[in-house]
Protein backbone atom coordinates (compact mmCIF):
# COMPACT_ATOMS: atom_id res chain seq x y z
CA UNK A 1 23.09 -21.72 -6.83
CA UNK A 2 19.60 -20.87 -7.04
CA UNK A 3 18.92 -21.61 -3.46
CA UNK A 4 19.68 -17.82 -2.80
CA UNK A 5 16.02 -15.71 -3.58
CA UNK A 6 18.03 -12.69 -5.29
CA UNK A 7 19.83 -15.41 -7.36
CA UNK A 8 16.98 -14.92 -9.49
CA UNK A 9 17.94 -11.08 -10.13
CA UNK A 10 20.37 -9.36 -12.17
CA UNK A 11 23.46 -9.68 -10.97
CA UNK A 12 24.50 -5.72 -9.82
CA UNK A 13 28.42 -6.54 -10.93
CA UNK A 14 27.66 -8.52 -14.25
CA UNK A 15 24.58 -6.66 -15.83
CA UNK A 16 25.03 -2.96 -14.19
CA UNK A 17 22.97 -1.90 -16.82
CA UNK A 18 19.76 -3.01 -14.82
CA UNK A 19 20.49 -0.94 -11.78
CA UNK A 20 22.21 2.18 -13.19
CA UNK A 21 20.90 5.44 -12.39
CA UNK A 22 18.09 3.81 -10.61
CA UNK A 23 18.27 5.53 -7.21
CA UNK A 24 18.17 8.79 -8.85
CA UNK A 25 15.38 7.91 -10.83
CA UNK A 26 13.86 6.74 -7.72
CA UNK A 27 13.90 10.17 -6.19
CA UNK A 28 12.61 12.00 -9.32
CA UNK A 29 9.79 9.44 -9.64
CA UNK A 30 8.88 10.35 -5.78
CA UNK A 31 8.96 13.93 -6.56
CA UNK A 32 6.47 13.07 -9.18
CA UNK A 33 4.36 10.99 -7.42
CA UNK A 34 4.10 13.32 -4.70
CA UNK A 35 2.77 16.25 -6.89
CA UNK A 36 0.36 13.55 -8.38
CA UNK A 37 -0.80 12.83 -4.97
CA UNK A 38 -0.97 16.60 -3.94
CA UNK A 39 -3.26 17.45 -7.02
CA UNK A 40 -5.29 14.68 -6.17
CA UNK A 41 -5.70 15.47 -2.67
CA UNK A 42 -6.33 19.05 -3.08
CA UNK A 43 -9.74 18.90 -5.06
CA UNK A 44 -10.87 16.12 -2.62
CA UNK A 45 -10.14 18.15 0.43
CA UNK A 46 -11.50 21.06 -1.23
CA UNK A 47 -15.15 19.35 -1.65
CA UNK A 48 -15.93 20.26 1.40
CA UNK A 49 -14.51 23.05 4.28
CA UNK A 50 -13.97 20.64 6.76
CA UNK A 51 -11.90 18.48 4.20
CA UNK A 52 -9.63 21.49 4.44
CA UNK A 53 -8.93 20.57 7.86
CA UNK A 54 -7.79 17.26 7.33
CA UNK A 55 -5.52 17.75 4.41
CA UNK A 56 -2.70 15.53 5.90
CA UNK A 57 -4.78 13.06 6.94
CA UNK A 58 -6.59 12.89 3.28
CA UNK A 59 -2.71 12.92 1.66
CA UNK A 60 -1.83 10.22 3.66
CA UNK A 61 -4.82 7.95 2.65
CA UNK A 62 -4.51 9.29 -1.17
CA UNK A 63 -0.96 8.22 -1.05
CA UNK A 64 -1.19 5.11 0.23
CA UNK A 65 -3.99 3.82 -2.08
CA UNK A 66 -2.49 5.42 -4.98
CA UNK A 67 1.09 3.56 -4.19
CA UNK A 68 -0.73 0.29 -3.22
CA UNK A 69 -2.95 0.17 -6.51
CA UNK A 70 -0.50 1.59 -9.00
CA UNK A 71 2.38 -0.88 -7.50
CA UNK A 72 -0.43 -4.02 -7.82
CA UNK A 73 -1.39 -2.78 -11.29
CA UNK A 74 2.02 -2.30 -12.81
CA UNK A 75 4.99 -3.13 -10.06
CA UNK A 76 5.57 0.62 -10.52
CA UNK A 77 3.90 3.89 -9.58
CA UNK A 78 3.07 6.77 -12.41
CA UNK A 79 6.59 8.11 -11.35
CA UNK A 80 8.49 4.97 -11.71
CA UNK A 81 6.61 4.47 -15.19
CA UNK A 82 7.66 7.94 -16.36
CA UNK A 83 11.60 7.21 -15.12
CA UNK A 84 11.39 3.49 -16.62
CA UNK A 85 11.90 1.78 -13.19
CA UNK A 86 9.78 -1.11 -11.99
CA UNK A 87 9.67 -2.99 -8.88
CA UNK A 88 10.32 -7.01 -8.78
CA UNK A 89 10.68 -9.31 -5.78
CA UNK A 90 13.28 -11.47 -5.16
CA UNK A 91 12.35 -14.01 -7.85
CA UNK A 92 12.37 -11.65 -10.58
CA UNK A 93 8.56 -11.60 -10.62
CA UNK A 94 6.46 -8.20 -10.65
CA UNK A 95 5.11 -7.34 -7.46
CA UNK A 96 1.17 -8.87 -6.87
CA UNK A 97 -1.34 -7.16 -4.63
CA UNK A 98 -0.17 -8.39 -1.37
CA UNK A 99 3.52 -7.52 -2.06
CA UNK A 100 2.54 -4.20 -3.09
CA UNK A 101 0.69 -3.84 -0.08
CA UNK A 102 3.36 -4.66 2.01
CA UNK A 103 6.05 -2.16 0.15
CA UNK A 104 3.54 0.53 0.62
CA UNK A 105 3.15 0.09 4.23
CA UNK A 106 7.09 -0.28 4.90
CA UNK A 107 7.47 2.72 2.75
CA UNK A 108 4.79 4.16 5.01
CA UNK A 109 6.67 3.23 8.02
CA UNK A 110 9.73 4.20 6.81
CA UNK A 111 9.05 7.78 5.74
CA UNK A 112 7.02 8.50 9.03
CA UNK A 113 10.34 8.84 10.88
CA UNK A 114 13.33 10.64 9.62
CA UNK A 115 15.88 8.51 11.16
CA UNK A 116 14.31 5.48 8.91
CA UNK A 117 13.76 7.71 6.24
CA UNK A 118 17.57 8.80 5.76
CA UNK A 119 18.99 5.26 6.59
CA UNK A 120 16.71 4.08 4.00
CA UNK A 121 18.24 6.52 1.43
CA UNK A 122 21.65 5.94 2.52
CA UNK A 123 21.09 2.27 1.77
CA UNK A 124 20.04 3.06 -1.51
CA UNK A 125 23.00 4.94 -2.45
CA UNK A 126 25.71 2.19 -0.93
CA UNK A 127 23.76 -1.28 -1.45
CA UNK A 128 24.70 -2.69 -5.02
CA UNK A 129 20.99 -3.38 -5.72
CA UNK A 130 20.08 -0.04 -4.70
CA UNK A 131 17.43 -1.31 -2.13
CA UNK A 132 16.15 1.00 1.09
CA UNK A 133 15.01 -0.72 3.98
CA UNK A 134 11.49 -1.94 2.75
CA UNK A 135 13.25 -3.55 -0.09
CA UNK A 136 15.53 -5.10 2.15
CA UNK A 137 12.78 -6.76 4.56
CA UNK A 138 10.83 -7.76 1.52
CA UNK A 139 13.75 -8.93 -0.86
CA UNK A 140 12.25 -6.41 -3.35
CA UNK A 141 14.56 -4.63 -5.83
CA UNK A 142 14.12 -1.33 -8.32
CA UNK A 143 15.53 -2.38 -11.82
CA UNK A 144 15.35 0.09 -15.16
CA UNK A 145 12.63 -1.56 -17.12
CA UNK A 146 13.47 -4.13 -19.82
CA UNK A 147 13.35 -2.70 -23.69
């Protein structure tokens, strides 16, 4: 029974409370994180006139580091924490630094192409565990935080 990696996670049919509203919460968390990243990026870019020409590149770097470090530090970005959700690996554990890096890399690749991003969002709505492309590849899942 426990030979399947996903068997260590809450069952989406018997333990629905772990998955209720997670996809919408992830969307709201994404908006909150994007605003926070922009608020960090703008002062960094404004420190020099040259930085203003590289805002997209600075935003990309800040976003990658922000997501990697916050997920590695608590298995959730600040937006996810605000929305009371967290990422777990296939065995129900919090993501470590390597898993957080891989999740952030997968997320970055996914959002770099509109088609991949669209497919990922569709998967989040139709998959019983609410997993996007990166989650499916890594075996991760976003869950409502345990009380």
